[in-house]
PDB file of N, CA and C in Angstrom:
ATOM      1  N   MET A   1      25.658  -1.691  25.230  1.00  0.00           N
ATOM      2  CA  MET A   1      25.368  -0.867  25.548  1.00  0.00           C
ATOM      3  C   MET A   1      24.061  -0.010  24.598  1.00  0.00           C
ATOM      4  N   LEU A   2      23.674   0.368  24.314  1.00  0.00           N
ATOM      5  CA  LEU A   2      23.139   1.055  23.086  1.00  0.00           C
ATOM      6  C   LEU A   2      23.288   2.790  23.923  1.00  0.00           C
ATOM      7  N   TYR A   3      23.956   4.007  23.143  1.00  0.00           N
ATOM      8  CA  TYR A   3      23.736   5.135  23.880  1.00  0.00           C
ATOM      9  C   TYR A   3      23.387   6.073  22.298  1.00  0.00           C
ATOM     10  N   PRO A   4      22.616   6.798  22.305  1.00  0.00           N
ATOM     11  CA  PRO A   4      21.734   6.978  23.482  1.00  0.00           C
ATOM     12  C   PRO A   4      20.282   6.120  23.754  1.00  0.00           C
ATOM     13  N   GLU A   5      19.861   6.380  24.796  1.00  0.00           N
ATOM     14  CA  GLU A   5      19.041   4.905  25.043  1.00  0.00           C
ATOM     15  C   GLU A   5      18.009   5.549  24.504  1.00  0.00           C
ATOM     16  N   ILE A   6      17.579   3.937  24.311  1.00  0.00           N
ATOM     17  CA  ILE A   6      16.275   3.957  23.410  1.00  0.00           C
ATOM     18  C   ILE A   6      15.100   4.921  24.136  1.00  0.00           C
ATOM     19  N   SER A   7      14.676   4.557  25.102  1.00  0.00           N
ATOM     20  CA  SER A   7      13.817   5.692  26.204  1.00  0.00           C
ATOM     21  C   SER A   7      14.006   6.848  25.511  1.00  0.00           C
ATOM     22  N   LYS A   8      15.286   7.578  25.219  1.00  0.00           N
ATOM     23  CA  LYS A   8      15.558   8.710  24.815  1.00  0.00           C
ATOM     24  C   LYS A   8      14.955   8.893  23.351  1.00  0.00           C
ATOM     25  N   LEU A   9      15.665   8.200  22.421  1.00  0.00           N
ATOM     26  CA  LEU A   9      15.198   8.228  21.201  1.00  0.00           C
ATOM     27  C   LEU A   9      13.409   8.053  20.733  1.00  0.00           C
ATOM     28  N   MET A  10      13.113   7.592  21.688  1.00  0.00           N
ATOM     29  CA  MET A  10      11.538   7.436  21.689  1.00  0.00           C
ATOM     30  C   MET A  10      10.814   8.772  21.839  1.00  0.00           C
ATOM     31  N   GLU A  11      11.412   9.517  22.536  1.00  0.00           N
ATOM     32  CA  GLU A  11      10.702  10.911  22.877  1.00  0.00           C
ATOM     33  C   GLU A  11      11.159  12.255  21.971  1.00  0.00           C
ATOM     34  N   THR A  12      11.908  11.302  20.942  1.00  0.00           N
ATOM     35  CA  THR A  12      12.349  12.622  19.787  1.00  0.00           C
ATOM     36  C   THR A  12      10.933  12.556  18.546  1.00  0.00           C
ATOM     37  N   GLU A  13      10.691  14.305  18.208  1.00  0.00           N
ATOM     38  CA  GLU A  13       9.573  14.337  17.026  1.00  0.00           C
ATOM     39  C   GLU A  13       9.880  12.930  16.050  1.00  0.00           C
ATOM     40  N   GLY A  14       8.480  12.768  16.087  1.00  0.00           N
ATOM     41  CA  GLY A  14       8.618  11.688  14.795  1.00  0.00           C
ATOM     42  C   GLY A  14       8.360  10.459  15.028  1.00  0.00           C
ATOM     43  N   ILE A  15       9.300  10.063  16.334  1.00  0.00           N
ATOM     44  CA  ILE A  15       8.858   8.814  16.746  1.00  0.00           C
ATOM     45  C   ILE A  15       8.183   7.932  17.429  1.00  0.00           C
ATOM     46  N   ASP A  16       7.027   7.263  17.013  1.00  0.00           N
ATOM     47  CA  ASP A  16       6.292   6.896  18.032  1.00  0.00           C
ATOM     48  C   ASP A  16       6.103   5.479  17.949  1.00  0.00           C
ATOM     49  N   SER A  17       7.188   4.107  17.518  1.00  0.00           N
ATOM     50  CA  SER A  17       7.277   3.501  17.924  1.00  0.00           C
ATOM     51  C   SER A  17       9.064   3.053  17.454  1.00  0.00           C
ATOM     52  N   ARG A  18       9.189   1.401  17.980  1.00  0.00           N
ATOM     53  CA  ARG A  18      10.716   1.247  17.941  1.00  0.00           C
ATOM     54  C   ARG A  18      10.548   0.637  16.509  1.00  0.00           C
ATOM     55  N   TYR A  19       9.637   0.605  15.772  1.00  0.00           N
ATOM     56  CA  TYR A  19       9.603  -0.111  14.254  1.00  0.00           C
ATOM     57  C   TYR A  19       9.847   1.452  13.418  1.00  0.00           C
ATOM     58  N   SER A  20       9.130   2.644  13.719  1.00  0.00           N
ATOM     59  CA  SER A  20       9.612   4.030  12.942  1.00  0.00           C
ATOM     60  C   SER A  20      10.931   3.986  13.126  1.00  0.00           C
ATOM     61  N   LEU A  21      11.507   3.986  14.637  1.00  0.00           N
ATOM     62  CA  LEU A  21      13.100   4.398  14.969  1.00  0.00           C
ATOM     63  C   LEU A  21      14.036   3.412  14.072  1.00  0.00           C
ATOM     64  N   VAL A  22      13.896   2.132  13.923  1.00  0.00           N
ATOM     65  CA  VAL A  22      14.447   1.574  13.074  1.00  0.00           C
ATOM     66  C   VAL A  22      14.846   1.834  11.614  1.00  0.00           C
ATOM     67  N   ILE A  23      13.187   1.882  10.788  1.00  0.00           N
ATOM     68  CA  ILE A  23      13.060   2.670  10.005  1.00  0.00           C
ATOM     69  C   ILE A  23      13.761   3.871   9.348  1.00  0.00           C
ATOM     70  N   ALA A  24      14.036   4.612  10.100  1.00  0.00           N
ATOM     71  CA  ALA A  24      14.464   5.991  10.241  1.00  0.00           C
ATOM     72  C   ALA A  24      15.842   5.894  10.092  1.00  0.00           C
ATOM     73  N   ALA A  25      16.581   5.035  11.154  1.00  0.00           N
ATOM     74  CA  ALA A  25      18.187   4.914  11.044  1.00  0.00           C
ATOM     75  C   ALA A  25      18.512   4.010  10.115  1.00  0.00           C
ATOM     76  N   ALA A  26      17.934   3.012   9.544  1.00  0.00           N
ATOM     77  CA  ALA A  26      18.498   2.655   8.472  1.00  0.00           C
ATOM     78  C   ALA A  26      18.290   3.389   7.246  1.00  0.00           C
ATOM     79  N   LYS A  27      17.260   3.840   6.595  1.00  0.00           N
ATOM     80  CA  LYS A  27      17.118   5.197   5.654  1.00  0.00           C
ATOM     81  C   LYS A  27      18.080   6.113   6.134  1.00  0.00           C
ATOM     82  N   ARG A  28      18.426   6.353   6.723  1.00  0.00           N
ATOM     83  CA  ARG A  28      19.936   7.536   7.084  1.00  0.00           C
ATOM     84  C   ARG A  28      21.186   6.398   7.219  1.00  0.00           C
ATOM     85  N   ALA A  29      21.290   5.616   7.787  1.00  0.00           N
ATOM     86  CA  ALA A  29      22.638   5.139   7.576  1.00  0.00           C
ATOM     87  C   ALA A  29      22.802   4.871   6.044  1.00  0.00           C
ATOM     88  N   ARG A  30      21.868   4.360   5.589  1.00  0.00           N
ATOM     89  CA  ARG A  30      22.279   3.795   3.819  1.00  0.00           C
ATOM     90  C   ARG A  30      22.316   5.134   2.735  1.00  0.00           C
ATOM     91  N   GLN A  31      21.923   6.266   3.873  1.00  0.00           N
ATOM     92  CA  GLN A  31      22.336   7.988   2.957  1.00  0.00           C
ATOM     93  C   GLN A  31      23.610   8.030   3.526  1.00  0.00           C
ATOM     94  N   LEU A  32      23.950   7.945   4.524  1.00  0.00           N
ATOM     95  CA  LEU A  32      25.300   8.210   4.885  1.00  0.00           C
ATOM     96  C   LEU A  32      26.294   7.295   4.226  1.00  0.00           C
ATOM     97  N   ALA A  33      26.079   6.290   4.029  1.00  0.00           N
ATOM     98  CA  ALA A  33      26.955   4.914   3.494  1.00  0.00           C
ATOM     99  C   ALA A  33      27.399   5.346   1.740  1.00  0.00           C
ATOM    100  N   SER A  34      26.002   5.783   1.023  1.00  0.00           N
ATOM    101  CA  SER A  34      26.105   6.006  -0.179  1.00  0.00           C
ATOM    102  C   SER A  34      26.903   7.711  -0.139  1.00  0.00           C
ATOM    103  N   GLU A  35      26.981   8.505   0.374  1.00  0.00           N
ATOM    104  CA  GLU A  35      27.968   9.391   0.636  1.00  0.00           C
ATOM    105  C   GLU A  35      29.174   9.517   0.492  1.00  0.00           C
ATOM    106  N   SER A  36      29.447   8.772   1.629  1.00  0.00           N
ATOM    107  CA  SER A  36      30.852   8.297   2.214  1.00  0.00           C
ATOM    108  C   SER A  36      31.413   6.749   2.118  1.00  0.00           C
ATOM    109  N   LYS A  37      32.533   6.460   2.559  1.00  0.00           N
ATOM    110  CA  LYS A  37      33.194   5.342   3.087  1.00  0.00           C
ATOM    111  C   LYS A  37      33.386   5.357   3.977  1.00  0.00           C
ATOM    112  N   GLN A  38      32.531   5.539   5.191  1.00  0.00           N
ATOM    113  CA  GLN A  38      32.789   5.826   6.542  1.00  0.00           C
ATOM    114  C   GLN A  38      32.605   5.051   7.307  1.00  0.00           C
ATOM    115  N   ASP A  39      33.065   4.263   7.958  1.00  0.00           N
ATOM    116  CA  ASP A  39      32.132   3.099   9.072  1.00  0.00           C
ATOM    117  C   ASP A  39      31.131   3.692  10.254  1.00  0.00           C
ATOM    118  N   LYS A  40      30.456   2.672  10.702  1.00  0.00           N
ATOM    119  CA  LYS A  40      29.836   3.418  11.598  1.00  0.00           C
ATOM    120  C   LYS A  40      28.182   4.286  10.858  1.00  0.00           C
ATOM    121  N   THR A  41      27.652   3.716  10.505  1.00  0.00           N
ATOM    122  CA  THR A  41      26.792   4.895   9.670  1.00  0.00           C
ATOM    123  C   THR A  41      25.618   4.423  10.157  1.00  0.00           C
ATOM    124  N   VAL A  42      25.209   3.687  11.430  1.00  0.00           N
ATOM    125  CA  VAL A  42      24.184   3.522  11.622  1.00  0.00           C
ATOM    126  C   VAL A  42      24.429   4.301  13.352  1.00  0.00           C
ATOM    127  N   SER A  43      25.574   4.570  14.291  1.00  0.00           N
ATOM    128  CA  SER A  43      25.954   4.940  14.715  1.00  0.00           C
ATOM    129  C   SER A  43      25.699   6.264  14.741  1.00  0.00           C
ATOM    130  N   GLN A  44      26.113   6.727  13.571  1.00  0.00           N
ATOM    131  CA  GLN A  44      25.876   8.343  13.030  1.00  0.00           C
ATOM    132  C   GLN A  44      24.453   8.439  12.848  1.00  0.00           C
ATOM    133  N   ALA A  45      23.508   7.614  12.196  1.00  0.00           N
ATOM    134  CA  ALA A  45      22.233   7.827  11.884  1.00  0.00           C
ATOM    135  C   ALA A  45      21.804   7.933  13.601  1.00  0.00           C
ATOM    136  N   ILE A  46      21.879   7.044  14.443  1.00  0.00           N
ATOM    137  CA  ILE A  46      21.058   6.811  15.551  1.00  0.00           C
ATOM    138  C   ILE A  46      21.375   8.590  16.458  1.00  0.00           C
ATOM    139  N   ASN A  47      22.739   8.760  16.274  1.00  0.00           N
ATOM    140  CA  ASN A  47      23.347  10.004  17.084  1.00  0.00           C
ATOM    141  C   ASN A  47      22.529  11.114  16.454  1.00  0.00           C
ATOM    142  N   GLU A  48      22.171  11.145  14.881  1.00  0.00           N
ATOM    143  CA  GLU A  48      21.680  12.103  14.403  1.00  0.00           C
ATOM    144  C   GLU A  48      19.936  12.295  14.817  1.00  0.00           C
ATOM    145  N   ILE A  49      19.465  11.435  15.317  1.00  0.00           N
ATOM    146  CA  ILE A  49      18.035  11.310  15.412  1.00  0.00           C
ATOM    147  C   ILE A  49      17.847  11.976  16.819  1.00  0.00           C
ATOM    148  N   ALA A  50      18.814  11.246  17.806  1.00  0.00           N
ATOM    149  CA  ALA A  50      18.934  12.157  19.125  1.00  0.00           C
ATOM    150  C   ALA A  50      18.757  13.120  18.948  1.00  0.00           C
ATOM    151  N   GLU A  51      19.961  13.634  18.443  1.00  0.00           N
ATOM    152  CA  GLU A  51      20.457  15.091  18.842  1.00  0.00           C
ATOM    153  C   GLU A  51      19.273  16.169  17.655  1.00  0.00           C
ATOM    154  N   GLY A  52      17.794  15.619  17.070  1.00  0.00           N
ATOM    155  CA  GLY A  52      17.220  16.090  16.453  1.00  0.00           C
ATOM    156  C   GLY A  52      17.449  17.005  15.112  1.00  0.00           C
ATOM    157  N   LYS A  53      18.233  15.887  14.319  1.00  0.00           N
ATOM    158  CA  LYS A  53      18.763  16.723  13.034  1.00  0.00           C
ATOM    159  C   LYS A  53      17.871  15.890  12.122  1.00  0.00           C
ATOM    160  N   ILE A  54      17.058  14.822  12.231  1.00  0.00           N
ATOM    161  CA  ILE A  54      16.689  13.895  11.370  1.00  0.00           C
ATOM    162  C   ILE A  54      15.310  13.826  12.585  1.00  0.00           C
ATOM    163  N   ILE A  55      14.039  14.076  11.262  1.00  0.00           N
ATOM    164  CA  ILE A  55      12.490  14.173  11.878  1.00  0.00           C
ATOM    165  C   ILE A  55      11.838  13.507  10.657  1.00  0.00           C
ATOM    166  N   CYS A  56      10.936  12.656  11.474  1.00  0.00           N
ATOM    167  CA  CYS A  56      10.102  11.473  10.932  1.00  0.00           C
ATOM    168  C   CYS A  56       9.501  11.855  10.668  1.00  0.00           C
ATOM    169  N   THR A  57       8.947  11.702   8.988  1.00  0.00           N
ATOM    170  CA  THR A  57       7.492  12.385   9.228  1.00  0.00           C
ATOM    171  C   THR A  57       6.535  10.882   8.798  1.00  0.00           C
ATOM    172  N   HIS A  58       4.839  10.814   8.441  1.00  0.00           N
ATOM    173  CA  HIS A  58       4.665   9.535   7.946  1.00  0.00           C
ATOM    174  C   HIS A  58       3.567  10.329   6.825  1.00  0.00           C
ATOM    175  N   ALA A  59       3.943   9.184   5.897  1.00  0.00           N
ATOM    176  CA  ALA A  59       3.080   9.350   4.754  1.00  0.00           C
ATOM    177  C   ALA A  59       1.248   8.376   5.129  1.00  0.00           C
ATOM    178  N   LYS A  60       0.468   9.689   5.290  1.00  0.00           N
ATOM    179  CA  LYS A  60      -0.876   9.220   6.194  1.00  0.00           C
ATOM    180  C   LYS A  60      -1.457   8.731   5.020  1.00  0.00           C
ATOM    181  N   ASN A  61      -1.976   9.612   3.947  1.00  0.00           N
ATOM    182  CA  ASN A  61      -2.759   9.539   2.674  1.00  0.00           C
ATOM    183  C   ASN A  61      -2.371   9.106   1.735  1.00  0.00           C
ATOM    184  N   GLN A  62      -1.580   8.113   1.760  1.00  0.00           N
ATOM    185  CA  GLN A  62      -0.540   7.692   0.750  1.00  0.00           C
ATOM    186  C   GLN A  62      -1.860   6.636   0.230  1.00  0.00           C
ATOM    187  N   ALA A  63      -1.742   6.592  -1.215  1.00  0.00           N
ATOM    188  CA  ALA A  63      -2.701   5.390  -2.110  1.00  0.00           C
ATOM    189  C   ALA A  63      -2.232   4.164  -1.661  1.00  0.00           C
ATOM    190  N   PRO A  64      -2.970   3.521  -1.710  1.00  0.00           N
ATOM    191  CA  PRO A  64      -2.444   2.052  -2.098  1.00  0.00           C
ATOM    192  C   PRO A  64      -2.066   1.605  -3.275  1.00  0.00           C
ATOM    193  N   ALA A  65      -1.027   0.741  -3.273  1.00  0.00           N
ATOM    194  CA  ALA A  65      -0.457   0.351  -4.876  1.00  0.00           C
ATOM    195  C   ALA A  65      -1.642  -0.357  -5.472  1.00  0.00           C
ATOM    196  N   GLU A  66      -1.518  -0.534  -6.611  1.00  0.00           N
ATOM    197  CA  GLU A  66      -2.362  -1.200  -7.751  1.00  0.00           C
ATOM    198  C   GLU A  66      -2.283  -2.483  -7.990  1.00  0.00           C
ATOM    199  N   GLU A  67      -3.160  -3.191  -7.942  1.00  0.00           N
ATOM    200  CA  GLU A  67      -2.648  -4.657  -8.019  1.00  0.00           C
ATOM    201  C   GLU A  67      -2.704  -4.556 -10.009  1.00  0.00           C
ATOM    202  N   ASN A  68      -1.867  -5.618 -10.894  1.00  0.00           N
ATOM    203  CA  ASN A  68      -2.543  -5.774 -12.038  1.00  0.00           C
ATOM    204  C   ASN A  68      -2.931  -7.046 -11.888  1.00  0.00           C
TER     205      ASN A  68
END
């Protein structure tokens, strides 16, 4: 079972969908993995999101990629 529960994680600031949660956790886990050689970076990322240490922001007015 995932702890903390997904329902608690969904109440976190900036998390508005499960997709946002997965993206935020994956980005933070990659940062942690590049900084050290510890295991369980995804668990640590999830815990940081639950504790409010990580706040998600969305780029709303981002220009679309240009096609050549």
